C-alpha atoms as a PDB file:
ATOM      1  CA  MET A   1      -2.910 -14.510 112.182  1.00  0.00           C
ATOM      2  CA  GLU A   2      -1.760 -12.602 115.257  1.00  0.00           C
ATOM      3  CA  LYS A   3      -0.803 -14.312 118.502  1.00  0.00           C
ATOM      4  CA  ASN A   4      -3.931 -13.373 120.467  1.00  0.00           C
ATOM      5  CA  ALA A   5      -6.182 -14.588 117.664  1.00  0.00           C
ATOM      6  CA  LYS A   6      -4.360 -17.939 117.594  1.00  0.00           C
ATOM      7  CA  ILE A   7      -4.762 -18.337 121.355  1.00  0.00           C
ATOM      8  CA  ARG A   8      -8.473 -17.579 121.091  1.00  0.00           C
ATOM      9  CA  LEU A   9      -8.889 -20.010 118.212  1.00  0.00           C
ATOM     10  CA  ILE A  10      -7.077 -22.833 120.024  1.00  0.00           C
ATOM     11  CA  PHE A  11      -9.101 -22.329 123.196  1.00  0.00           C
ATOM     12  CA  SER A  12     -12.352 -22.126 121.200  1.00  0.00           C
ATOM     13  CA  ILE A  13     -11.569 -25.433 119.496  1.00  0.00           C
ATOM     14  CA  PHE A  14     -10.750 -27.011 122.862  1.00  0.00           C
ATOM     15  CA  LEU A  15     -13.977 -25.730 124.431  1.00  0.00           C
ATOM     16  CA  GLY A  16     -16.027 -26.913 121.454  1.00  0.00           C
ATOM     17  CA  VAL A  17     -14.538 -30.421 121.585  1.00  0.00           C
ATOM     18  CA  PHE A  18     -14.991 -30.522 125.358  1.00  0.00           C
ATOM     19  CA  THR A  19     -18.649 -29.464 125.014  1.00  0.00           C
ATOM     20  CA  VAL A  20     -19.327 -32.177 122.440  1.00  0.00           C
ATOM     21  CA  ALA A  21     -17.635 -34.758 124.689  1.00  0.00           C
ATOM     22  CA  VAL A  22     -19.788 -33.792 127.693  1.00  0.00           C
ATOM     23  CA  GLY A  23     -22.906 -33.958 125.516  1.00  0.00           C
ATOM     24  CA  ILE A  24     -21.930 -37.439 124.319  1.00  0.00           C
ATOM     25  CA  LEU A  25     -21.504 -38.544 127.950  1.00  0.00           C
ATOM     26  CA  PHE A  26     -25.030 -37.344 128.770  1.00  0.00           C
ATOM     27  CA  LEU A  27     -26.458 -39.125 125.728  1.00  0.00           C
ATOM     28  CA  ALA A  28     -24.567 -42.309 126.610  1.00  0.00           C
ATOM     29  CA  GLU A  29     -25.932 -42.309 130.164  1.00  0.00           C
ATOM     30  CA  ALA A  30     -29.495 -41.650 128.958  1.00  0.00           C
ATOM     31  CA  ALA A  31     -29.243 -44.440 126.374  1.00  0.00           C
ATOM     32  CA  ASP A  32     -27.782 -46.839 128.940  1.00  0.00           C
ATOM     33  CA  ILE A  33     -30.633 -46.121 131.353  1.00  0.00           C
ATOM     34  CA  TYR A  34     -33.180 -46.709 128.600  1.00  0.00           C
ATOM     35  CA  PHE A  35     -31.775 -49.931 127.165  1.00  0.00           C
ATOM     36  CA  SER A  36     -30.935 -51.452 130.553  1.00  0.00           C
ATOM     37  CA  GLY A  37     -34.480 -50.662 131.717  1.00  0.00           C
ATOM     38  CA  VAL A  38     -36.021 -52.276 128.641  1.00  0.00           C
ATOM     39  CA  ALA A  39     -33.869 -55.382 129.125  1.00  0.00           C
ATOM     40  CA  GLN A  40     -35.009 -55.713 132.752  1.00  0.00           C
ATOM     41  CA  THR A  41     -38.708 -54.885 132.438  1.00  0.00           C
ATOM     42  CA  GLY A  42     -39.448 -55.692 128.803  1.00  0.00           C
ATOM     43  CA  VAL A  43     -41.159 -52.325 128.289  1.00  0.00           C
ATOM     44  CA  ASP A  44     -39.964 -48.834 127.462  1.00  0.00           C
ATOM     45  CA  ARG A  45     -41.334 -47.141 130.576  1.00  0.00           C
ATOM     46  CA  GLY A  46     -40.711 -47.170 134.304  1.00  0.00           C
ATOM     47  CA  MET A  47     -36.917 -46.992 134.157  1.00  0.00           C
ATOM     48  CA  TYR A  48     -36.503 -43.215 134.439  1.00  0.00           C
ATOM     49  CA  SER A  49     -36.948 -43.035 138.187  1.00  0.00           C
ATOM     50  CA  ARG A  50     -35.518 -40.081 140.076  1.00  0.00           C
ATOM     51  CA  ALA A  51     -33.147 -42.246 142.105  1.00  0.00           C
ATOM     52  CA  LEU A  52     -31.743 -44.090 139.098  1.00  0.00           C
ATOM     53  CA  VAL A  53     -31.313 -40.943 137.002  1.00  0.00           C
ATOM     54  CA  GLY A  54     -29.653 -39.149 139.926  1.00  0.00           C
ATOM     55  CA  GLU A  55     -27.276 -42.057 140.442  1.00  0.00           C
ATOM     56  CA  ARG A  56     -26.264 -42.240 136.779  1.00  0.00           C
ATOM     57  CA  LEU A  57     -25.914 -38.512 136.281  1.00  0.00           C
ATOM     58  CA  GLY A  58     -23.975 -38.210 139.527  1.00  0.00           C
ATOM     59  CA  ALA A  59     -21.075 -39.881 137.744  1.00  0.00           C
ATOM     60  CA  LEU A  60     -20.934 -36.894 135.402  1.00  0.00           C
ATOM     61  CA  ILE A  61     -20.425 -34.269 138.103  1.00  0.00           C
ATOM     62  CA  LEU A  62     -16.668 -34.027 137.546  1.00  0.00           C
ATOM     63  CA  PRO A  63     -16.735 -33.496 133.735  1.00  0.00           C
ATOM     64  CA  VAL A  64     -19.628 -31.055 134.066  1.00  0.00           C
ATOM     65  CA  CYS A  65     -17.750 -29.031 136.702  1.00  0.00           C
ATOM     66  CA  LEU A  66     -14.642 -29.000 134.507  1.00  0.00           C
ATOM     67  CA  TRP A  67     -16.786 -27.859 131.579  1.00  0.00           C
ATOM     68  CA  LEU A  68     -18.214 -24.979 133.634  1.00  0.00           C
ATOM     69  CA  VAL A  69     -14.680 -23.995 134.667  1.00  0.00           C
ATOM     70  CA  ALA A  70     -13.644 -24.020 131.001  1.00  0.00           C
ATOM     71  CA  ILE A  71     -16.536 -21.674 130.145  1.00  0.00           C
ATOM     72  CA  VAL A  72     -15.424 -19.247 132.860  1.00  0.00           C
ATOM     73  CA  GLU A  73     -11.865 -19.506 131.595  1.00  0.00           C
ATOM     74  CA  SER A  74     -13.032 -18.670 128.085  1.00  0.00           C
ATOM     75  CA  VAL A  75     -14.295 -15.325 129.366  1.00  0.00           C
ATOM     76  CA  VAL A  76     -10.919 -14.708 131.010  1.00  0.00           C
ATOM     77  CA  VAL A  77      -9.033 -15.711 127.850  1.00  0.00           C
ATOM     78  CA  TYR A  78     -11.089 -13.369 125.674  1.00  0.00           C
ATOM     79  CA  ALA A  79     -10.486 -10.541 128.169  1.00  0.00           C
ATOM     80  CA  LEU A  80      -6.718 -11.124 128.475  1.00  0.00           C
ATOM     81  CA  PHE A  81      -6.086 -11.633 124.751  1.00  0.00           C
ATOM     82  CA  PRO A  82      -8.020  -8.941 122.883  1.00  0.00           C
ATOM     83  CA  VAL A  83      -8.098  -8.916 119.113  1.00  0.00           C
ATOM     84  CA  ALA A  84      -8.407  -5.786 117.024  1.00  0.00           C
ATOM     85  CA  PRO A  85     -11.684  -5.762 115.105  1.00  0.00           C
ATOM     86  CA  ALA A  86     -11.382  -6.459 111.410  1.00  0.00           C
ATOM     87  CA  ARG A  87     -11.788  -3.501 109.121  1.00  0.00           C
ATOM     88  CA  LYS A  88     -14.970  -3.491 107.156  1.00  0.00           C
ATOM     89  CA  GLY A  89     -14.327  -3.548 103.448  1.00  0.00           C
ATOM     90  CA  GLY A  90     -17.236  -1.444 102.248  1.00  0.00           C
ATOM     91  CA  LEU A  91     -20.838  -0.565 102.818  1.00  0.00           C
ATOM     92  CA  ALA A  92     -23.490  -2.916 101.556  1.00  0.00           C
ATOM     93  CA  GLN A  93     -25.434  -1.702  98.562  1.00  0.00           C
ATOM     94  CA  GLU A  94     -28.619  -1.406 100.636  1.00  0.00           C
ATOM     95  CA  LYS A  95     -26.907   0.997 103.063  1.00  0.00           C
ATOM     96  CA  ILE A  96     -25.367   3.002 100.223  1.00  0.00           C
ATOM     97  CA  TYR A  97     -28.796   3.288  98.607  1.00  0.00           C
ATOM     98  CA  ALA A  98     -30.462   4.360 101.858  1.00  0.00           C
ATOM     99  CA  ARG A  99     -27.850   7.049 102.539  1.00  0.00           C
ATOM    100  CA  LEU A 100     -27.857   8.491  99.034  1.00  0.00           C
ATOM    101  CA  ASN A 101     -31.650   8.308  98.715  1.00  0.00           C
ATOM    102  CA  ARG A 102     -31.972  10.926 101.475  1.00  0.00           C
ATOM    103  CA  ARG A 103     -29.908  13.371  99.434  1.00  0.00           C
ATOM    104  CA  ILE A 104     -31.526  13.111  96.007  1.00  0.00           C
ATOM    105  CA  SER A 105     -33.084  16.121  94.287  1.00  0.00           C
ATOM    106  CA  SER A 106     -35.590  16.391  91.461  1.00  0.00           C
ATOM    107  CA  GLU A 107     -33.824  19.409  89.983  1.00  0.00           C
ATOM    108  CA  LYS A 108     -30.981  17.485  88.336  1.00  0.00           C
ATOM    109  CA  ASP A 109     -33.097  15.004  86.331  1.00  0.00           C
ATOM    110  CA  PRO A 110     -36.886  15.263  86.854  1.00  0.00           C
ATOM    111  CA  SER A 111     -37.700  12.242  84.681  1.00  0.00           C
ATOM    112  CA  ALA A 112     -35.238   9.979  86.518  1.00  0.00           C
ATOM    113  CA  TYR A 113     -36.533  11.326  89.834  1.00  0.00           C
ATOM    114  CA  ALA A 114     -40.142  10.527  88.861  1.00  0.00           C
ATOM    115  CA  ARG A 115     -39.148   7.024  87.701  1.00  0.00           C
ATOM    116  CA  LEU A 116     -37.345   6.407  90.982  1.00  0.00           C
ATOM    117  CA  ARG A 117     -40.337   7.569  92.993  1.00  0.00           C
ATOM    118  CA  ARG A 118     -42.703   5.247  91.058  1.00  0.00           C
ATOM    119  CA  ALA A 119     -40.365   2.334  91.688  1.00  0.00           C
ATOM    120  CA  GLY A 120     -40.210   3.321  95.347  1.00  0.00           C
ATOM    121  CA  ARG A 121     -43.993   3.124  95.627  1.00  0.00           C
ATOM    122  CA  VAL A 122     -43.927  -0.362  94.106  1.00  0.00           C
ATOM    123  CA  ARG A 123     -41.217  -1.359  96.585  1.00  0.00           C
ATOM    124  CA  LEU A 124     -43.291  -0.009  99.479  1.00  0.00           C
ATOM    125  CA  GLY A 125     -46.339  -1.901  98.207  1.00  0.00           C
ATOM    126  CA  VAL A 126     -44.385  -5.159  98.111  1.00  0.00           C
ATOM    127  CA  ARG A 127     -43.201  -4.571 101.677  1.00  0.00           C
ATOM    128  CA  ILE A 128     -46.696  -3.782 102.950  1.00  0.00           C
ATOM    129  CA  PHE A 129     -48.225  -6.794 101.189  1.00  0.00           C
ATOM    130  CA  THR A 130     -45.522  -9.109 102.559  1.00  0.00           C
ATOM    131  CA  ALA A 131     -45.973  -7.811 106.103  1.00  0.00           C
ATOM    132  CA  ALA A 132     -49.776  -8.044 105.888  1.00  0.00           C
ATOM    133  CA  PHE A 133     -49.718 -11.585 104.497  1.00  0.00           C
ATOM    134  CA  CYS A 134     -47.209 -12.793 107.110  1.00  0.00           C
ATOM    135  CA  LEU A 135     -49.348 -11.257 109.847  1.00  0.00           C
ATOM    136  CA  ALA A 136     -52.472 -12.928 108.447  1.00  0.00           C
ATOM    137  CA  ALA A 137     -50.639 -16.259 108.181  1.00  0.00           C
ATOM    138  CA  ALA A 138     -49.470 -15.976 111.780  1.00  0.00           C
ATOM    139  CA  VAL A 139     -53.014 -15.195 112.942  1.00  0.00           C
ATOM    140  CA  MET A 140     -54.456 -18.171 111.035  1.00  0.00           C
ATOM    141  CA  CYS A 141     -51.856 -20.533 112.492  1.00  0.00           C
ATOM    142  CA  ILE A 142     -52.379 -19.240 116.032  1.00  0.00           C
ATOM    143  CA  VAL A 143     -56.164 -19.483 115.714  1.00  0.00           C
ATOM    144  CA  TYR A 144     -55.959 -23.106 114.617  1.00  0.00           C
ATOM    145  CA  LEU A 145     -53.372 -24.120 117.236  1.00  0.00           C
ATOM    146  CA  ALA A 146     -55.208 -22.314 120.036  1.00  0.00           C
ATOM    147  CA  ASP A 147     -58.497 -24.084 119.296  1.00  0.00           C
ATOM    148  CA  GLY A 148     -58.683 -26.983 121.732  1.00  0.00           C
ATOM    149  CA  SER A 149     -61.331 -28.756 119.662  1.00  0.00           C
ATOM    150  CA  HIS A 150     -58.621 -29.708 117.154  1.00  0.00           C
ATOM    151  CA  PHE A 151     -56.768 -31.722 119.802  1.00  0.00           C
ATOM    152  CA  THR A 152     -59.319 -33.667 121.787  1.00  0.00           C
ATOM    153  CA  SER A 153     -58.403 -37.351 121.775  1.00  0.00           C
ATOM    154  CA  PHE A 154     -55.119 -39.155 122.338  1.00  0.00           C
ATOM    155  CA  ALA A 155     -56.441 -42.048 120.268  1.00  0.00           C
ATOM    156  CA  LEU A 156     -56.698 -39.696 117.285  1.00  0.00           C
ATOM    157  CA  LEU A 157     -53.398 -37.932 117.972  1.00  0.00           C
ATOM    158  CA  ASN A 158     -51.747 -38.961 114.707  1.00  0.00           C
ATOM    159  CA  SER A 159     -54.685 -37.841 112.567  1.00  0.00           C
ATOM    160  CA  GLU A 160     -54.843 -34.594 114.540  1.00  0.00           C
ATOM    161  CA  VAL A 161     -51.154 -33.942 113.851  1.00  0.00           C
ATOM    162  CA  LEU A 162     -51.716 -34.587 110.139  1.00  0.00           C
ATOM    163  CA  ALA A 163     -54.700 -32.237 110.174  1.00  0.00           C
ATOM    164  CA  MET A 164     -52.541 -29.604 111.888  1.00  0.00           C
ATOM    165  CA  VAL A 165     -49.915 -29.976 109.156  1.00  0.00           C
ATOM    166  CA  ARG A 166     -52.572 -29.586 106.452  1.00  0.00           C
ATOM    167  CA  ASN A 167     -54.017 -26.453 108.030  1.00  0.00           C
ATOM    168  CA  VAL A 168     -50.867 -24.744 109.348  1.00  0.00           C
ATOM    169  CA  LEU A 169     -48.152 -25.697 106.866  1.00  0.00           C
ATOM    170  CA  PRO A 170     -49.684 -23.993 103.779  1.00  0.00           C
ATOM    171  CA  TRP A 171     -49.884 -20.653 105.594  1.00  0.00           C
ATOM    172  CA  ALA A 172     -46.399 -20.943 107.079  1.00  0.00           C
ATOM    173  CA  GLY A 173     -44.914 -22.168 103.799  1.00  0.00           C
ATOM    174  CA  ALA A 174     -46.555 -19.412 101.769  1.00  0.00           C
ATOM    175  CA  ALA A 175     -45.316 -16.784 104.232  1.00  0.00           C
ATOM    176  CA  LEU A 176     -41.783 -18.184 104.017  1.00  0.00           C
ATOM    177  CA  LEU A 177     -41.822 -18.169 100.211  1.00  0.00           C
ATOM    178  CA  LEU A 178     -43.160 -14.616 100.191  1.00  0.00           C
ATOM    179  CA  LEU A 179     -40.370 -13.494 102.520  1.00  0.00           C
ATOM    180  CA  ILE A 180     -37.815 -15.106 100.218  1.00  0.00           C
ATOM    181  CA  PHE A 181     -39.373 -13.341  97.224  1.00  0.00           C
ATOM    182  CA  GLU A 182     -39.338 -10.017  99.064  1.00  0.00           C
ATOM    183  CA  ALA A 183     -35.650 -10.426  99.958  1.00  0.00           C
ATOM    184  CA  VAL A 184     -34.739 -11.237  96.339  1.00  0.00           C
ATOM    185  CA  PHE A 185     -36.866  -8.331  95.122  1.00  0.00           C
ATOM    186  CA  GLU A 186     -35.079  -5.950  97.505  1.00  0.00           C
ATOM    187  CA  GLY A 187     -31.688  -7.037  96.213  1.00  0.00           C
ATOM    188  CA  LEU A 188     -32.697  -6.649  92.559  1.00  0.00           C
ATOM    189  CA  TYR A 189     -34.370  -3.297  93.239  1.00  0.00           C
ATOM    190  CA  VAL A 190     -31.309  -1.805  94.918  1.00  0.00           C
ATOM    191  CA  LYS A 191     -29.011  -3.183  92.223  1.00  0.00           C
ATOM    192  CA  LYS A 192     -31.164  -1.634  89.472  1.00  0.00           C
ATOM    193  CA  TYR A 193     -31.815   1.796  90.997  1.00  0.00           C
ATOM    194  CA  LEU A 194     -28.603   2.473  92.875  1.00  0.00           C
ATOM    195  CA  PRO A 195     -26.969   3.995  89.739  1.00  0.00           C
ATOM    196  CA  VAL A 196     -30.024   6.256  89.341  1.00  0.00           C
ATOM    197  CA  VAL A 197     -29.717   7.478  92.913  1.00  0.00           C
ATOM    198  CA  LYS A 198     -25.992   8.121  92.451  1.00  0.00           C
ATOM    199  CA  GLY A 199     -26.730  10.176  89.374  1.00  0.00           C
ATOM    200  CA  LEU A 200     -29.395  12.245  91.130  1.00  0.00           C
ATOM    201  CA  VAL A 201     -27.086  12.911  94.050  1.00  0.00           C
ATOM    202  CA  GLY A 202     -24.239  13.762  91.703  1.00  0.00           C
ATOM    203  CA  SER A 203     -21.768  11.491  93.458  1.00  0.00           C
ATOM    204  CA  VAL A 204     -18.439  10.979  91.770  1.00  0.00           C
ATOM    205  CA  TYR A 205     -17.979   7.461  90.501  1.00  0.00           C
ATOM    206  CA  VAL A 206     -14.834   5.901  91.925  1.00  0.00           C
ATOM    207  CA  PRO A 207     -14.341   2.477  90.247  1.00  0.00           C
ATOM    208  CA  SER A 208     -12.196   0.952  92.987  1.00  0.00           C
ATOM    209  CA  LYS A 209     -14.602   1.975  95.730  1.00  0.00           C
ATOM    210  CA  TRP A 210     -17.924   0.999  94.155  1.00  0.00           C
ATOM    211  CA  GLU A 211     -16.712  -2.093  92.321  1.00  0.00           C
ATOM    212  CA  ASN A 212     -14.974  -3.530  95.379  1.00  0.00           C
ATOM    213  CA  ALA A 213     -18.105  -2.968  97.435  1.00  0.00           C
ATOM    214  CA  ALA A 214     -20.222  -4.613  94.726  1.00  0.00           C
ATOM    215  CA  LYS A 215     -17.933  -7.645  94.603  1.00  0.00           C
ATOM    216  CA  LYS A 216     -18.087  -8.088  98.364  1.00  0.00           C
ATOM    217  CA  VAL A 217     -21.861  -7.670  98.371  1.00  0.00           C
ATOM    218  CA  SER A 218     -22.200 -10.225  95.552  1.00  0.00           C
ATOM    219  CA  ALA A 219     -20.035 -12.730  97.441  1.00  0.00           C
ATOM    220  CA  ALA A 220     -22.028 -12.164 100.639  1.00  0.00           C
ATOM    221  CA  ALA A 221     -25.298 -12.546  98.719  1.00  0.00           C
ATOM    222  CA  GLY A 222     -24.080 -15.836  97.260  1.00  0.00           C
ATOM    223  CA  ASN A 223     -23.264 -17.118 100.730  1.00  0.00           C
ATOM    224  CA  GLN A 224     -26.651 -15.968 102.031  1.00  0.00           C
ATOM    225  CA  TYR A 225     -28.489 -17.766  99.236  1.00  0.00           C
ATOM    226  CA  ALA A 226     -26.481 -20.926  99.924  1.00  0.00           C
ATOM    227  CA  VAL A 227     -27.350 -20.778 103.631  1.00  0.00           C
ATOM    228  CA  LEU A 228     -30.976 -20.060 102.750  1.00  0.00           C
ATOM    229  CA  GLY A 229     -31.055 -23.093 100.469  1.00  0.00           C
ATOM    230  CA  VAL A 230     -29.691 -25.311 103.222  1.00  0.00           C
ATOM    231  CA  ARG A 231     -32.257 -23.974 105.696  1.00  0.00           C
ATOM    232  CA  ILE A 232     -35.130 -24.577 103.279  1.00  0.00           C
ATOM    233  CA  ALA A 233     -33.878 -28.116 102.595  1.00  0.00           C
ATOM    234  CA  LEU A 234     -33.687 -28.837 106.324  1.00  0.00           C
ATOM    235  CA  LEU A 235     -37.180 -27.394 106.831  1.00  0.00           C
ATOM    236  CA  VAL A 236     -38.622 -29.589 104.071  1.00  0.00           C
ATOM    237  CA  LEU A 237     -36.802 -32.620 105.490  1.00  0.00           C
ATOM    238  CA  ALA A 238     -38.088 -31.901 109.008  1.00  0.00           C
ATOM    239  CA  VAL A 239     -41.697 -31.510 107.819  1.00  0.00           C
ATOM    240  CA  THR A 240     -41.388 -34.713 105.786  1.00  0.00           C
ATOM    241  CA  PHE A 241     -40.202 -36.659 108.822  1.00  0.00           C
ATOM    242  CA  ILE A 242     -42.958 -35.174 110.979  1.00  0.00           C
ATOM    243  CA  VAL A 243     -45.607 -36.253 108.472  1.00  0.00           C
ATOM    244  CA  LEU A 244     -44.098 -39.730 108.085  1.00  0.00           C
ATOM    245  CA  GLY A 245     -43.862 -40.111 111.866  1.00  0.00           C
ATOM    246  CA  ALA A 246     -47.494 -39.107 112.308  1.00  0.00           C
ATOM    247  CA  VAL A 247     -48.595 -41.522 109.586  1.00  0.00           C
ATOM    248  CA  ASN A 248     -46.691 -44.362 111.279  1.00  0.00           C
ATOM    249  CA  GLY A 249     -48.173 -43.590 114.693  1.00  0.00           C
ATOM    250  CA  GLY A 250     -45.040 -41.933 116.020  1.00  0.00           C
ATOM    251  CA  ALA A 251     -46.853 -38.938 117.482  1.00  0.00           C
ATOM    252  CA  GLY A 252     -48.515 -41.140 120.096  1.00  0.00           C
ATOM    253  CA  ASP A 253     -45.223 -42.835 120.986  1.00  0.00           C
ATOM    254  CA  VAL A 254     -43.478 -39.495 121.440  1.00  0.00           C
ATOM    255  CA  PHE A 255     -46.360 -38.242 123.570  1.00  0.00           C
ATOM    256  CA  ILE A 256     -46.153 -41.306 125.848  1.00  0.00           C
ATOM    257  CA  LYS A 257     -42.378 -40.948 126.234  1.00  0.00           C
ATOM    258  CA  ALA A 258     -42.771 -37.259 127.076  1.00  0.00           C
ATOM    259  CA  ILE A 259     -45.306 -38.127 129.777  1.00  0.00           C
ATOM    260  CA  ASN A 260     -42.997 -40.757 131.232  1.00  0.00           C
ATOM    261  CA  ILE A 261     -40.031 -38.379 131.329  1.00  0.00           C
ATOM    262  CA  CYS A 262     -42.056 -35.603 132.975  1.00  0.00           C
ATOM    263  CA  THR A 263     -43.670 -37.827 135.581  1.00  0.00           C
ATOM    264  CA  GLU A 264     -40.788 -40.202 136.370  1.00  0.00           C
ATOM    265  CA  CYS A 265     -37.558 -38.331 135.629  1.00  0.00           C
ATOM    266  CA  ILE A 266     -38.324 -34.659 136.271  1.00  0.00           C
ATOM    267  CA  GLY A 267     -40.928 -35.523 138.882  1.00  0.00           C
ATOM    268  CA  LEU A 268     -43.834 -33.353 137.765  1.00  0.00           C
ATOM    269  CA  GLY A 269     -46.218 -36.182 138.663  1.00  0.00           C
END
């Protein structure tokens, strides 16, 4: 690793640790205000007054100012210590396919050309269906959420949240699964028909070039699927907690706390 890259890395680690530390200080002050207020009043409201919050957060002026200075310094560090951009190893298969597909001709192999065009129409149909379904799902979710009759009573807030989950989640979940299917289909389609396109273009096969690009694309695809799996797991976990919270009456508690923060801390009331 070159010198400038090391300097950037060290400063980035410092700024990240500093940011986490400042965030912990804010959370500690907020928690202290809450628990000290509960101990004094016996309830979980009325302690987030503007004067008290201003007094507690005033103690954090110095670390916040130092954090802002560190952010400005990060811009200076990145300007004074430039790093040469890394060379890209090879084009992704999708880009190779798109470039070569514009150069194909039916004269070299009419049967292969016709087969590629039929597959292309199927690919276009999958794209259009995915886009149409996602648009319809978005419209259905917006229509339900925009209807005020579904959210009329605070006493029924938890049941209303559960009803929202029942009506919105199937559409959103189906759209997400369809997008995942479309992404997998695109990858398999390009992998299957890229050799056909190369043959129709008449490109010379260079093993080192194409195989290295394929290896890098496969590794990137594996990382993407891993990240996608983590995101789906987090989404399922979040929805599960939302449903459990609504069943236990948590939606009403969160709503009350939000009102207290807006009216007592921010001062909207």
